[in-house]
Amino acid sequence: MKVRFPTDLQLRPTRAHEVCGPSAAVFAACHASQQDGPILWITEVWRSDRLHPRGLSRFFDPARLVLIEARRAIDVLWSAEEGLRSGAVGMVVAELTRAPDLTASRRLQLAAEAGGTLGLFIIPEGTGSNAAETRWHATPIRGSGAVWDSTPMRWRTIKNKRGTLVNAEVAWDATAHRLLLDTTLGKRAAHPPQHAL
């Protein structure tokens, strides 16, 4: 049984969201763990920082991963739109070299709604679309002295159309496949947080 993330850290289903920052791919993998069915992950073929499916086993069964390496940025957007609209996958993650323009973002939102699918777009820092439901910044917390199971991260909302902005310190428990939330924000715990989510 999955232990769901707290409401303010969940991505609203059937919508397209954005994330940036050095821990953006980990943020995406954590949220993919919350979804049922296949995970469609789309990137451009020329990128040197390739996703390694076996590394995702810390988050979910890599057999669920459908990896697409597109030739051009426009092909990434087309594949994401088709994946969202199909309703055949639990989540679509697309790595973008630049944020989609307003027209493309609206198309992605409509596709997510039509297919009932969650979309997450990894974008460069300092970019974003007005059509995104939320935009997050995910970064590792360096020098924390923590001895958690994995690197502590800060997840912060930059934009939220339907709620408040969040600033949370979290870590992924790879053994239990769950998110740990540090309830002592601003303090670097040298031990795992007490609350498992």
C-alpha atoms as a PDB file:
ATOM      1  CA  MET A   1       0.000   0.000   0.000  1.00  0.00           C
ATOM      2  CA  LYS A   2       1.335   3.434  -0.954  1.00  0.00           C
ATOM      3  CA  VAL A   3       1.741   6.058   1.737  1.00  0.00           C
ATOM      4  CA  ARG A   4       0.439   9.192   0.056  1.00  0.00           C
ATOM      5  CA  PHE A   5       2.273  12.486   0.237  1.00  0.00           C
ATOM      6  CA  PRO A   6       0.658  15.224   2.338  1.00  0.00           C
ATOM      7  CA  THR A   7      -1.825  17.302   0.380  1.00  0.00           C
ATOM      8  CA  ASP A   8       0.416  20.348   0.013  1.00  0.00           C
ATOM      9  CA  LEU A   9       3.187  18.220  -1.562  1.00  0.00           C
ATOM     10  CA  GLN A  10       0.933  16.322  -3.974  1.00  0.00           C
ATOM     11  CA  LEU A  11       0.678  17.278  -7.617  1.00  0.00           C
ATOM     12  CA  ARG A  12      -2.933  17.761  -8.650  1.00  0.00           C
ATOM     13  CA  PRO A  13      -3.894  14.929 -11.012  1.00  0.00           C
ATOM     14  CA  THR A  14      -5.084  15.600 -14.561  1.00  0.00           C
ATOM     15  CA  ARG A  15      -2.975  18.765 -14.710  1.00  0.00           C
ATOM     16  CA  ALA A  16       0.456  19.777 -16.031  1.00  0.00           C
ATOM     17  CA  HIS A  17       3.056  20.982 -13.531  1.00  0.00           C
ATOM     18  CA  GLU A  18       6.641  22.233 -13.826  1.00  0.00           C
ATOM     19  CA  VAL A  19       9.791  21.664 -11.770  1.00  0.00           C
ATOM     20  CA  CYS A  20      13.301  23.081 -12.006  1.00  0.00           C
ATOM     21  CA  GLY A  21      16.478  22.853  -9.970  1.00  0.00           C
ATOM     22  CA  PRO A  22      19.280  20.343  -9.422  1.00  0.00           C
ATOM     23  CA  SER A  23      16.940  17.774  -7.816  1.00  0.00           C
ATOM     24  CA  ALA A  24      14.180  18.094 -10.431  1.00  0.00           C
ATOM     25  CA  ALA A  25      14.594  14.516 -11.719  1.00  0.00           C
ATOM     26  CA  VAL A  26      14.443  13.142  -8.157  1.00  0.00           C
ATOM     27  CA  PHE A  27      11.306  15.232  -7.551  1.00  0.00           C
ATOM     28  CA  ALA A  28       9.800  13.660 -10.683  1.00  0.00           C
ATOM     29  CA  ALA A  29      10.785  10.132  -9.606  1.00  0.00           C
ATOM     30  CA  CYS A  30       9.267  10.645  -6.142  1.00  0.00           C
ATOM     31  CA  HIS A  31       5.974  11.750  -7.680  1.00  0.00           C
ATOM     32  CA  ALA A  32       6.067   8.915 -10.205  1.00  0.00           C
ATOM     33  CA  SER A  33       6.171   6.527  -7.240  1.00  0.00           C
ATOM     34  CA  GLN A  34       2.722   7.799  -6.271  1.00  0.00           C
ATOM     35  CA  GLN A  35       1.125   6.932  -9.616  1.00  0.00           C
ATOM     36  CA  ASP A  36      -0.327   3.684 -10.890  1.00  0.00           C
ATOM     37  CA  GLY A  37       0.467   2.274 -14.320  1.00  0.00           C
ATOM     38  CA  PRO A  38       3.311   3.026 -16.726  1.00  0.00           C
ATOM     39  CA  ILE A  39       5.449   6.145 -16.391  1.00  0.00           C
ATOM     40  CA  LEU A  40       6.231   7.830 -19.724  1.00  0.00           C
ATOM     41  CA  TRP A  41       9.553   9.731 -19.479  1.00  0.00           C
ATOM     42  CA  ILE A  42      10.542  11.820 -22.510  1.00  0.00           C
ATOM     43  CA  THR A  43      13.857  13.504 -23.218  1.00  0.00           C
ATOM     44  CA  GLU A  44      15.902  14.608 -26.217  1.00  0.00           C
ATOM     45  CA  VAL A  45      18.280  12.005 -27.646  1.00  0.00           C
ATOM     46  CA  TRP A  46      21.308  14.335 -27.705  1.00  0.00           C
ATOM     47  CA  ARG A  47      21.359  14.922 -23.935  1.00  0.00           C
ATOM     48  CA  SER A  48      24.451  13.581 -22.169  1.00  0.00           C
ATOM     49  CA  ASP A  49      22.712  13.328 -18.780  1.00  0.00           C
ATOM     50  CA  ARG A  50      20.677  10.258 -19.644  1.00  0.00           C
ATOM     51  CA  LEU A  51      18.190   8.627 -17.353  1.00  0.00           C
ATOM     52  CA  HIS A  52      19.265   5.191 -16.112  1.00  0.00           C
ATOM     53  CA  PRO A  53      16.140   3.052 -15.528  1.00  0.00           C
ATOM     54  CA  ARG A  54      17.854   0.867 -12.938  1.00  0.00           C
ATOM     55  CA  GLY A  55      18.474   3.945 -10.807  1.00  0.00           C
ATOM     56  CA  LEU A  56      14.730   4.472 -10.596  1.00  0.00           C
ATOM     57  CA  SER A  57      14.330   1.235  -8.632  1.00  0.00           C
ATOM     58  CA  ARG A  58      14.811   3.358  -5.497  1.00  0.00           C
ATOM     59  CA  PHE A  59      11.454   4.947  -6.360  1.00  0.00           C
ATOM     60  CA  PHE A  60       9.383   2.496  -8.417  1.00  0.00           C
ATOM     61  CA  ASP A  61       9.702  -0.667 -10.483  1.00  0.00           C
ATOM     62  CA  PRO A  62      11.722   0.354 -13.581  1.00  0.00           C
ATOM     63  CA  ALA A  63       9.683  -2.153 -15.619  1.00  0.00           C
ATOM     64  CA  ARG A  64       6.929   0.488 -15.449  1.00  0.00           C
ATOM     65  CA  LEU A  65       9.116   3.009 -17.295  1.00  0.00           C
ATOM     66  CA  VAL A  66       8.522   3.823 -20.952  1.00  0.00           C
ATOM     67  CA  LEU A  67      11.469   5.936 -22.082  1.00  0.00           C
ATOM     68  CA  ILE A  68      11.285   8.034 -25.252  1.00  0.00           C
ATOM     69  CA  GLU A  69      14.321   9.804 -26.678  1.00  0.00           C
ATOM     70  CA  ALA A  70      13.062  12.367 -29.166  1.00  0.00           C
ATOM     71  CA  ARG A  71      15.149  14.036 -31.853  1.00  0.00           C
ATOM     72  CA  ARG A  72      13.905  17.594 -31.324  1.00  0.00           C
ATOM     73  CA  ALA A  73      12.317  19.722 -28.609  1.00  0.00           C
ATOM     74  CA  ILE A  74       9.065  19.881 -30.582  1.00  0.00           C
ATOM     75  CA  ASP A  75       8.973  16.083 -30.673  1.00  0.00           C
ATOM     76  CA  VAL A  76       9.253  16.006 -26.865  1.00  0.00           C
ATOM     77  CA  LEU A  77       6.195  18.272 -26.621  1.00  0.00           C
ATOM     78  CA  TRP A  78       4.264  16.252 -29.214  1.00  0.00           C
ATOM     79  CA  SER A  79       5.051  12.971 -27.423  1.00  0.00           C
ATOM     80  CA  ALA A  80       4.067  14.481 -24.069  1.00  0.00           C
ATOM     81  CA  GLU A  81       0.776  15.766 -25.447  1.00  0.00           C
ATOM     82  CA  GLU A  82      -0.076  12.417 -27.020  1.00  0.00           C
ATOM     83  CA  GLY A  83       0.899  10.537 -23.853  1.00  0.00           C
ATOM     84  CA  LEU A  84      -1.220  12.805 -21.668  1.00  0.00           C
ATOM     85  CA  ARG A  85      -4.234  12.632 -23.962  1.00  0.00           C
ATOM     86  CA  SER A  86      -4.090   8.837 -24.325  1.00  0.00           C
ATOM     87  CA  GLY A  87      -4.859   8.108 -20.686  1.00  0.00           C
ATOM     88  CA  ALA A  88      -2.756   4.949 -21.088  1.00  0.00           C
ATOM     89  CA  VAL A  89      -0.047   5.968 -18.607  1.00  0.00           C
ATOM     90  CA  GLY A  90      -0.086   7.000 -14.970  1.00  0.00           C
ATOM     91  CA  MET A  91       2.207   9.978 -15.479  1.00  0.00           C
ATOM     92  CA  VAL A  92       4.119  11.801 -18.195  1.00  0.00           C
ATOM     93  CA  VAL A  93       7.506  13.356 -17.357  1.00  0.00           C
ATOM     94  CA  ALA A  94       9.168  15.469 -20.039  1.00  0.00           C
ATOM     95  CA  GLU A  95      12.626  17.028 -19.815  1.00  0.00           C
ATOM     96  CA  LEU A  96      12.632  20.317 -21.704  1.00  0.00           C
ATOM     97  CA  THR A  97      15.547  22.527 -22.729  1.00  0.00           C
ATOM     98  CA  ARG A  98      13.216  25.539 -22.537  1.00  0.00           C
ATOM     99  CA  ALA A  99       9.765  26.054 -21.096  1.00  0.00           C
ATOM    100  CA  PRO A 100       6.891  25.638 -23.551  1.00  0.00           C
ATOM    101  CA  ASP A 101       5.212  28.787 -24.823  1.00  0.00           C
ATOM    102  CA  LEU A 102       1.690  29.650 -23.699  1.00  0.00           C
ATOM    103  CA  THR A 103      -0.017  27.902 -26.628  1.00  0.00           C
ATOM    104  CA  ALA A 104       1.922  24.656 -26.098  1.00  0.00           C
ATOM    105  CA  SER A 105       1.314  24.814 -22.336  1.00  0.00           C
ATOM    106  CA  ARG A 106      -2.422  25.218 -22.820  1.00  0.00           C
ATOM    107  CA  ARG A 107      -2.450  22.263 -25.206  1.00  0.00           C
ATOM    108  CA  LEU A 108      -0.630  20.167 -22.590  1.00  0.00           C
ATOM    109  CA  GLN A 109      -3.140  21.183 -19.897  1.00  0.00           C
ATOM    110  CA  LEU A 110      -6.068  20.249 -22.147  1.00  0.00           C
ATOM    111  CA  ALA A 111      -4.407  16.920 -22.995  1.00  0.00           C
ATOM    112  CA  ALA A 112      -3.850  16.156 -19.293  1.00  0.00           C
ATOM    113  CA  GLU A 113      -7.504  16.887 -18.548  1.00  0.00           C
ATOM    114  CA  ALA A 114      -8.744  14.860 -21.522  1.00  0.00           C
ATOM    115  CA  GLY A 115      -6.640  11.813 -20.643  1.00  0.00           C
ATOM    116  CA  GLY A 116      -6.963  12.125 -16.880  1.00  0.00           C
ATOM    117  CA  THR A 117      -3.169  11.988 -16.676  1.00  0.00           C
ATOM    118  CA  LEU A 118      -0.627  13.794 -14.510  1.00  0.00           C
ATOM    119  CA  GLY A 119       2.038  15.736 -16.411  1.00  0.00           C
ATOM    120  CA  LEU A 120       5.326  17.019 -15.028  1.00  0.00           C
ATOM    121  CA  PHE A 121       7.739  19.099 -17.083  1.00  0.00           C
ATOM    122  CA  ILE A 122      11.358  19.510 -16.022  1.00  0.00           C
ATOM    123  CA  ILE A 123      12.346  22.992 -17.161  1.00  0.00           C
ATOM    124  CA  PRO A 124      15.464  25.187 -16.888  1.00  0.00           C
ATOM    125  CA  GLU A 125      15.623  27.485 -13.874  1.00  0.00           C
ATOM    126  CA  GLY A 126      14.222  30.966 -14.421  1.00  0.00           C
ATOM    127  CA  THR A 127      11.728  29.833 -17.049  1.00  0.00           C
ATOM    128  CA  GLY A 128       8.129  28.650 -16.935  1.00  0.00           C
ATOM    129  CA  SER A 129       4.690  28.967 -18.424  1.00  0.00           C
ATOM    130  CA  ASN A 130       1.665  30.819 -17.089  1.00  0.00           C
ATOM    131  CA  ALA A 131      -0.501  27.801 -17.931  1.00  0.00           C
ATOM    132  CA  ALA A 132       1.294  25.464 -15.490  1.00  0.00           C
ATOM    133  CA  GLU A 133      -0.809  24.466 -12.482  1.00  0.00           C
ATOM    134  CA  THR A 134       2.220  24.628 -10.165  1.00  0.00           C
ATOM    135  CA  ARG A 135       5.919  25.312 -10.538  1.00  0.00           C
ATOM    136  CA  TRP A 136       8.390  23.808  -8.081  1.00  0.00           C
ATOM    137  CA  HIS A 137      12.068  24.264  -7.307  1.00  0.00           C
ATOM    138  CA  ALA A 138      13.848  21.141  -6.012  1.00  0.00           C
ATOM    139  CA  THR A 139      17.370  21.310  -4.685  1.00  0.00           C
ATOM    140  CA  PRO A 140      19.599  19.164  -2.470  1.00  0.00           C
ATOM    141  CA  ILE A 141      20.374  20.496   0.982  1.00  0.00           C
ATOM    142  CA  ARG A 142      24.136  20.557   1.091  1.00  0.00           C
ATOM    143  CA  GLY A 143      26.194  20.383   4.231  1.00  0.00           C
ATOM    144  CA  SER A 144      23.223  19.279   6.303  1.00  0.00           C
ATOM    145  CA  GLY A 145      25.207  16.658   8.199  1.00  0.00           C
ATOM    146  CA  ALA A 146      22.180  14.434   7.826  1.00  0.00           C
ATOM    147  CA  VAL A 147      22.532  10.693   7.784  1.00  0.00           C
ATOM    148  CA  TRP A 148      19.193   9.990   6.146  1.00  0.00           C
ATOM    149  CA  ASP A 149      18.860   7.209   3.605  1.00  0.00           C
ATOM    150  CA  SER A 150      19.273   9.692   0.762  1.00  0.00           C
ATOM    151  CA  THR A 151      20.214  13.306   0.188  1.00  0.00           C
ATOM    152  CA  PRO A 152      17.837  15.721   1.931  1.00  0.00           C
ATOM    153  CA  MET A 153      16.097  18.076  -0.466  1.00  0.00           C
ATOM    154  CA  ARG A 154      14.153  21.299  -0.311  1.00  0.00           C
ATOM    155  CA  TRP A 155      10.937  21.370  -2.324  1.00  0.00           C
ATOM    156  CA  ARG A 156       9.592  24.867  -2.772  1.00  0.00           C
ATOM    157  CA  THR A 157       6.644  26.073  -4.818  1.00  0.00           C
ATOM    158  CA  ILE A 158       7.362  29.097  -6.951  1.00  0.00           C
ATOM    159  CA  LYS A 159       3.834  29.225  -8.343  1.00  0.00           C
ATOM    160  CA  ASN A 160       0.549  27.620  -7.315  1.00  0.00           C
ATOM    161  CA  LYS A 161      -2.717  28.467  -9.036  1.00  0.00           C
ATOM    162  CA  ARG A 162      -4.914  26.848  -6.402  1.00  0.00           C
ATOM    163  CA  GLY A 163      -3.153  26.955  -3.076  1.00  0.00           C
ATOM    164  CA  THR A 164      -0.481  28.336  -0.843  1.00  0.00           C
ATOM    165  CA  LEU A 165       3.229  28.246  -1.494  1.00  0.00           C
ATOM    166  CA  VAL A 166       5.145  25.436   0.200  1.00  0.00           C
ATOM    167  CA  ASN A 167       8.719  25.227   1.483  1.00  0.00           C
ATOM    168  CA  ALA A 168       9.490  21.726   2.766  1.00  0.00           C
ATOM    169  CA  GLU A 169      12.590  19.734   3.598  1.00  0.00           C
ATOM    170  CA  VAL A 170      12.209  16.115   2.542  1.00  0.00           C
ATOM    171  CA  ALA A 171      14.203  12.956   1.892  1.00  0.00           C
ATOM    172  CA  TRP A 172      13.334   9.773   0.042  1.00  0.00           C
ATOM    173  CA  ASP A 173      13.473   6.530   2.029  1.00  0.00           C
ATOM    174  CA  ALA A 174      14.578   4.071  -0.672  1.00  0.00           C
ATOM    175  CA  THR A 175      14.061   1.043   1.570  1.00  0.00           C
ATOM    176  CA  ALA A 176      10.473   1.827   2.526  1.00  0.00           C
ATOM    177  CA  HIS A 177       9.680   3.677  -0.739  1.00  0.00           C
ATOM    178  CA  ARG A 178       8.254   6.658   1.070  1.00  0.00           C
ATOM    179  CA  LEU A 179       8.869  10.356   1.525  1.00  0.00           C
ATOM    180  CA  LEU A 180      10.251  11.605   4.833  1.00  0.00           C
ATOM    181  CA  LEU A 181       9.329  15.124   5.861  1.00  0.00           C
ATOM    182  CA  ASP A 182      11.523  17.138   8.205  1.00  0.00           C
ATOM    183  CA  THR A 183       9.120  18.973  10.501  1.00  0.00           C
ATOM    184  CA  THR A 184      11.917  21.137  11.886  1.00  0.00           C
ATOM    185  CA  LEU A 185      12.274  23.475   8.926  1.00  0.00           C
ATOM    186  CA  GLY A 186      15.425  25.515   9.015  1.00  0.00           C
ATOM    187  CA  LYS A 187      17.190  22.991  11.250  1.00  0.00           C
ATOM    188  CA  ARG A 188      19.416  20.352   9.696  1.00  0.00           C
ATOM    189  CA  ALA A 189      18.590  17.083  11.423  1.00  0.00           C
ATOM    190  CA  ALA A 190      21.500  14.694  11.929  1.00  0.00           C
ATOM    191  CA  HIS A 191      19.006  11.845  12.095  1.00  0.00           C
ATOM    192  CA  PRO A 192      15.983  10.818  10.001  1.00  0.00           C
ATOM    193  CA  PRO A 193      12.855  12.958  10.392  1.00  0.00           C
ATOM    194  CA  GLN A 194      10.285  11.545  12.752  1.00  0.00           C
ATOM    195  CA  HIS A 195       7.352  11.756  10.353  1.00  0.00           C
ATOM    196  CA  ALA A 196       7.045   9.316   7.470  1.00  0.00           C
ATOM    197  CA  LEU A 197       4.687  10.304   4.699  1.00  0.00           C
END
